[in-house]
Protein backbone atom coordinates (compact mmCIF):
# COMPACT_ATOMS: atom_id res chain seq x y z
CA MET A 1 -10.66 1.78 39.53
CA GLN A 2 -12.30 -0.98 37.49
CA THR A 3 -10.56 -1.97 34.25
CA ARG A 4 -13.00 -2.44 31.38
CA GLN A 5 -12.69 -5.50 29.18
CA ILE A 6 -11.41 -5.16 25.62
CA ASP A 7 -12.45 -7.93 23.23
CA ILE A 8 -10.81 -8.84 19.92
CA ALA A 9 -13.27 -9.80 17.17
CA ALA A 10 -13.23 -10.48 13.44
CA PHE A 11 -13.32 -7.32 11.28
CA GLY A 12 -16.57 -7.19 9.32
CA PRO A 13 -18.30 -4.67 7.04
CA GLU A 14 -20.35 -3.48 10.01
CA HIS A 15 -17.15 -2.07 11.53
CA LEU A 16 -16.20 0.14 8.57
CA ASP A 17 -17.81 3.36 9.82
CA ALA A 18 -15.93 3.12 13.11
CA ALA A 19 -12.69 2.29 11.28
CA ILE A 20 -13.07 5.40 9.11
CA THR A 21 -13.49 7.48 12.27
CA LEU A 22 -10.29 5.99 13.73
CA SER A 23 -8.27 6.63 10.58
CA ARG A 24 -9.43 10.24 10.51
CA GLN A 25 -8.40 10.57 14.15
CA VAL A 26 -4.80 9.71 13.20
CA GLY A 27 -4.84 11.98 10.14
CA TRP A 28 -5.07 9.35 7.43
CA PRO A 29 -6.92 10.41 4.25
CA HIS A 30 -8.79 7.14 3.60
CA ARG A 31 -12.29 7.46 2.13
CA PRO A 32 -14.99 4.85 2.79
CA GLU A 33 -14.15 3.38 -0.64
CA ASP A 34 -10.50 3.01 0.36
CA TRP A 35 -11.43 1.09 3.50
CA GLN A 36 -13.88 -1.05 1.52
CA MET A 37 -11.11 -1.98 -0.91
CA ALA A 38 -8.71 -2.86 1.89
CA LEU A 39 -11.28 -5.04 3.64
CA ALA A 40 -12.42 -6.72 0.40
CA LEU A 41 -8.84 -7.93 -0.13
CA SER A 42 -8.13 -8.77 3.51
CA GLU A 43 -9.08 -10.40 6.78
CA GLY A 44 -8.77 -8.47 10.00
CA ALA A 45 -9.57 -7.88 13.62
CA VAL A 46 -11.06 -5.09 15.70
CA ALA A 47 -10.70 -4.25 19.36
CA ILE A 48 -14.01 -3.51 21.10
CA GLU A 49 -14.59 -1.82 24.45
CA ASP A 50 -18.18 -1.24 25.59
CA ASP A 51 -19.47 -1.72 22.03
CA LYS A 52 -17.00 0.88 20.71
CA ILE A 53 -14.31 0.04 18.17
CA VAL A 54 -10.99 1.17 19.65
CA GLY A 55 -8.51 -0.57 17.34
CA THR A 56 -8.15 -2.17 13.92
CA VAL A 57 -5.74 -4.36 11.95
CA LEU A 58 -5.94 -5.99 8.51
CA VAL A 59 -3.98 -8.83 6.93
CA THR A 60 -3.91 -8.89 3.13
CA ARG A 61 -2.93 -12.34 1.85
CA TYR A 62 -1.29 -12.80 -1.54
CA LYS A 63 -2.08 -16.49 -2.02
CA GLU A 64 0.18 -18.54 0.28
CA GLU A 65 3.32 -16.65 -0.68
CA SER A 66 3.14 -13.43 1.33
CA ALA A 67 0.89 -11.07 3.28
CA THR A 68 0.91 -7.46 4.36
CA ILE A 69 -0.19 -6.31 7.79
CA ASN A 70 -1.86 -2.92 7.53
CA MET A 71 -4.38 -0.45 8.91
CA VAL A 72 -3.00 -0.91 12.43
CA ILE A 73 -4.76 1.82 14.43
CA VAL A 74 -5.29 2.23 18.17
CA ASP A 75 -7.65 4.89 19.49
CA GLN A 76 -5.56 7.71 20.91
CA THR A 77 -7.33 7.40 24.28
CA MET A 78 -6.31 3.73 24.54
CA ARG A 79 -2.58 3.90 23.90
CA GLY A 80 -0.13 2.52 26.42
CA ARG A 81 -2.40 -0.38 27.38
CA GLY A 82 -0.85 -3.05 25.18
CA LEU A 83 -3.64 -2.94 22.62
CA GLY A 84 -1.27 -2.61 19.67
CA ARG A 85 0.44 -5.85 20.70
CA ARG A 86 -2.91 -7.65 21.01
CA LEU A 87 -3.95 -6.51 17.54
CA MET A 88 -0.62 -7.62 16.10
CA ASP A 89 -0.97 -11.01 17.79
CA ALA A 90 -4.37 -11.34 16.10
CA ALA A 91 -2.78 -10.41 12.77
CA LEU A 92 -0.02 -12.99 13.21
CA ASP A 93 -2.65 -15.64 13.87
CA LEU A 94 -4.48 -14.67 10.68
CA SER A 95 -1.29 -14.79 8.64
CA ASP A 96 -0.87 -18.51 9.37
CA GLY A 97 2.93 -18.35 9.31
CA CYS A 98 3.43 -16.94 5.80
CA PRO A 99 6.13 -14.30 5.15
CA LEU A 100 4.91 -10.87 6.25
CA ARG A 101 5.50 -7.29 5.17
CA LEU A 102 4.42 -3.98 6.63
CA VAL A 103 5.26 -0.29 6.50
CA ALA A 104 5.98 1.04 9.98
CA THR A 105 5.88 4.47 11.52
CA GLU A 106 8.67 5.49 13.88
CA ASP A 107 6.22 5.06 16.78
CA GLY A 108 5.36 1.51 15.77
CA LEU A 109 8.92 0.44 15.02
CA PRO A 110 9.86 -0.86 18.54
CA LEU A 111 6.82 -3.17 18.70
CA TYR A 112 7.42 -4.59 15.23
CA GLU A 113 11.09 -5.22 16.00
CA LYS A 114 10.10 -7.11 19.16
CA LEU A 115 7.83 -9.27 17.01
CA GLY A 116 10.70 -10.20 14.68
CA PHE A 117 10.22 -7.74 11.83
CA ARG A 118 13.37 -6.23 10.33
CA GLU A 119 13.82 -3.12 8.22
CA THR A 120 14.28 -3.71 4.49
CA GLY A 121 14.14 -0.14 3.18
CA ARG A 122 12.29 3.15 3.21
CA VAL A 123 9.03 4.22 1.61
CA LEU A 124 8.85 7.85 0.50
CA GLN A 125 5.42 9.44 0.23
CA HIS A 126 5.16 12.06 -2.51
CA GLN A 127 2.10 14.14 -3.22
CA GLY A 128 0.93 17.51 -4.50
CA ILE A 129 -0.63 19.30 -7.42
CA ALA A 130 0.64 17.77 -10.63
CA ALA A 131 2.59 20.00 -12.98
CA LYS A 132 1.89 20.08 -16.69
CA VAL A 133 4.17 17.53 -18.40
CA ALA A 134 4.37 16.00 -21.86
CA ALA A 135 2.92 12.56 -22.35
CA PRO A 136 5.69 9.98 -22.83
CA ALA A 137 5.91 8.35 -26.24
CA ILE A 138 6.63 4.85 -24.96
CA THR A 139 3.51 4.26 -22.81
CA SER A 140 -0.05 3.35 -23.72
CA GLU A 141 -3.31 2.61 -21.97
CA ALA A 142 -3.73 -1.03 -21.02
CA THR A 143 -6.66 -3.16 -22.14
CA SER A 144 -8.49 -5.94 -20.34
CA ALA A 145 -6.52 -8.42 -22.43
CA ASP A 146 -3.32 -7.17 -20.75
CA LEU A 147 -4.34 -8.00 -17.18
CA SER A 148 -2.84 -11.48 -17.04
CA ALA A 149 0.52 -10.17 -18.32
CA ILE A 150 0.37 -7.28 -15.83
CA ALA A 151 -0.34 -9.71 -12.99
CA GLU A 152 2.57 -11.92 -14.01
CA LEU A 153 4.94 -8.94 -14.23
CA ASP A 154 3.77 -7.83 -10.79
CA ARG A 155 4.37 -11.32 -9.41
CA GLN A 156 7.93 -11.29 -10.70
CA ALA A 157 8.60 -7.84 -9.24
CA PHE A 158 6.80 -8.19 -5.90
CA GLY A 159 7.63 -11.82 -5.25
CA ALA A 160 4.06 -12.99 -4.67
CA ASP A 161 0.88 -13.55 -6.66
CA ARG A 162 -1.23 -10.39 -6.33
CA SER A 163 -3.67 -11.19 -9.14
CA ASP A 164 -6.65 -10.42 -6.88
CA LEU A 165 -5.25 -6.95 -6.22
CA ILE A 166 -4.58 -6.38 -9.92
CA ALA A 167 -8.14 -7.42 -10.77
CA TYR A 168 -9.56 -5.07 -8.13
CA LEU A 169 -7.44 -2.17 -9.41
CA ALA A 170 -8.69 -2.84 -12.93
CA ASN A 171 -12.28 -2.44 -11.69
CA VAL A 172 -11.72 0.83 -9.83
CA GLY A 173 -8.91 2.41 -11.86
CA THR A 174 -6.84 2.17 -15.00
CA PHE A 175 -3.45 0.82 -16.10
CA ALA A 176 -0.71 2.08 -18.39
CA VAL A 177 1.90 -0.20 -19.94
CA ILE A 178 5.13 -0.20 -21.90
CA ARG A 179 5.30 -2.75 -24.73
CA ARG A 180 8.47 -3.97 -26.40
CA ASP A 181 8.76 -6.86 -28.85
CA ASN A 182 5.03 -7.55 -28.42
CA ARG A 183 5.24 -8.04 -24.68
CA ILE A 184 4.55 -5.88 -21.62
CA VAL A 185 7.75 -4.88 -19.84
CA GLY A 186 6.35 -2.34 -17.37
CA PHE A 187 3.06 -1.10 -15.94
CA SER A 188 1.53 1.51 -13.65
CA ALA A 189 -1.94 1.97 -12.17
CA LEU A 190 -4.05 4.99 -11.27
CA ARG A 191 -7.08 5.06 -8.97
CA CYS A 192 -8.97 7.43 -6.71
CA PHE A 193 -7.61 7.45 -3.17
CA GLY A 194 -7.70 9.84 -0.24
CA ARG A 195 -7.56 13.50 -1.26
CA GLY A 196 -7.23 12.76 -4.97
CA GLU A 197 -5.67 9.91 -6.91
CA VAL A 198 -2.73 7.58 -6.33
CA ILE A 199 -0.29 6.26 -8.93
CA GLY A 200 0.82 2.74 -8.09
CA PRO A 201 1.88 0.06 -8.19
CA VAL A 202 4.58 0.79 -10.73
CA ALA A 203 6.77 -2.07 -11.96
CA ALA A 204 9.48 -1.67 -14.59
CA GLY A 205 12.85 -2.99 -15.65
CA ASN A 206 14.67 0.30 -15.13
CA LEU A 207 14.29 3.78 -13.66
CA GLU A 208 13.63 5.55 -16.96
CA ASP A 209 10.75 3.23 -17.77
CA ALA A 210 9.36 3.78 -14.26
CA LYS A 211 9.48 7.54 -14.76
CA ALA A 212 7.65 7.21 -18.08
CA LEU A 213 4.93 5.08 -16.48
CA VAL A 214 4.39 7.67 -13.75
CA ALA A 215 4.56 10.54 -16.25
CA HIS A 216 1.81 8.85 -18.29
CA PHE A 217 -0.68 9.65 -15.54
CA ILE A 218 0.82 12.99 -14.47
CA ALA A 219 0.33 14.13 -18.07
CA LEU A 220 -3.35 13.18 -17.85
CA ARG A 221 -3.92 15.03 -14.56
CA PRO A 222 -2.33 18.53 -14.72
CA GLY A 223 -3.47 20.63 -11.77
CA ARG A 224 -4.90 17.62 -9.92
CA PHE A 225 -3.86 16.22 -6.53
CA LEU A 226 -1.76 13.08 -6.99
CA ARG A 227 0.11 10.79 -4.62
CA VAL A 228 2.91 8.27 -5.22
CA ASP A 229 4.51 6.04 -2.55
CA ILE A 230 7.93 5.06 -3.86
CA THR A 231 10.49 2.53 -2.67
CA GLY A 232 13.20 4.96 -1.61
CA VAL A 233 14.80 5.60 -5.04
CA ALA A 234 16.50 8.99 -4.64
CA ASP A 235 16.55 9.83 -8.35
CA LEU A 236 12.83 9.12 -8.64
CA SER A 237 12.14 11.19 -5.51
CA ASP A 238 13.89 14.24 -6.94
CA TRP A 239 12.18 13.75 -10.30
CA LEU A 240 8.72 13.65 -8.69
CA ALA A 241 9.40 16.81 -6.68
CA GLU A 242 10.28 18.63 -9.90
CA ARG A 243 6.84 17.70 -11.23
CA GLY A 244 4.90 19.07 -8.27
CA LEU A 245 4.80 15.96 -6.09
CA GLY A 246 6.93 16.81 -3.07
CA HIS A 247 8.27 14.42 -0.44
CA VAL A 248 5.93 14.73 2.56
CA GLY A 249 6.80 11.71 4.70
CA GLY A 250 6.79 7.96 4.44
CA GLY A 251 7.57 4.90 6.48
CA ILE A 252 9.90 2.01 7.14
CA ALA A 253 9.46 -1.13 5.04
CA MET A 254 9.79 -4.27 7.18
CA MET A 255 9.56 -8.04 6.71
CA LYS A 256 9.17 -11.11 8.94
CA PRO A 257 11.10 -13.31 8.61
CA PRO A 258 13.92 -11.17 7.25
CA ILE A 259 14.59 -12.17 3.64
CA PRO A 260 17.94 -11.32 2.03
CA HIS A 261 17.56 -8.62 -0.61
CA ALA A 262 17.59 -9.92 -4.15
CA ASP A 263 17.73 -7.59 -7.13
CA SER A 264 14.82 -8.45 -9.36
CA VAL A 265 13.91 -7.38 -12.86
CA PRO A 266 11.29 -6.03 -13.10
CA THR A 267 11.34 -3.95 -9.93
CA ILE A 268 8.55 -2.36 -7.88
CA PHE A 269 9.25 1.39 -8.01
CA ALA A 270 5.98 2.53 -6.41
CA LEU A 271 3.49 0.79 -4.13
CA ALA A 272 -0.24 0.35 -4.56
CA ASN A 273 -0.16 2.24 -1.27
CA GLN A 274 1.59 1.79 2.04
CA ALA A 275 -1.07 -0.66 3.24
CA LEU A 276 -1.08 -3.04 0.29
CA GLY A 277 2.56 -2.92 -0.79
């Protein structure tokens, strides 16, 4: 039996339709706009067999400080042929040695561990039809003048400069903030994603502020489908479930090289999504 050649090529806009088909095959909810956002912020690679896209991977760089590896998909008919490893090798080449993050599934965990990634925590995916809640008194809608302060707060919480991501989110969504003493001490974002809308990232100095920043958008969307990917905070998980957003799954947060955990203030309580961190 002849083995057909699989080529690895740079991910371009012309590959988006095939990538959407692959993500639907694995049950991911990404719309064309979600893929376009991911690619606009990233570089990537595709695996091609007989002019058919059979695998994808993206690397989202946050300046020279960090990157996330995401959208790792292998066509279900191609699994067991080492294609996931080849895509990850391409991603590692694109990352140019900077510290890496990803959110793994249980199936992908063995490969990532072999490549030197180590678990740093859990990501809990919450989603559902938002309950009716009161708008918090301490939050307000952000303005364009707030974006630089939001980006700086995000840099402190995430540990890398994600100003390009913040700017993109401002174009496709909206931000809420908490102000104290004439400065922004917490923020959250809302944008369309998948089946409805996603709340995140959320950065705050404490859990109660994080809840208020999430509640700001829940209060605006009663009866609508919302999603929040949180960083494994049990109290926040229970609180979300009480407001209609149940725990439906998640993933394993990993880093390469392993970096010792450091408590930071502010803290990332919810991700932009599992792909972007």
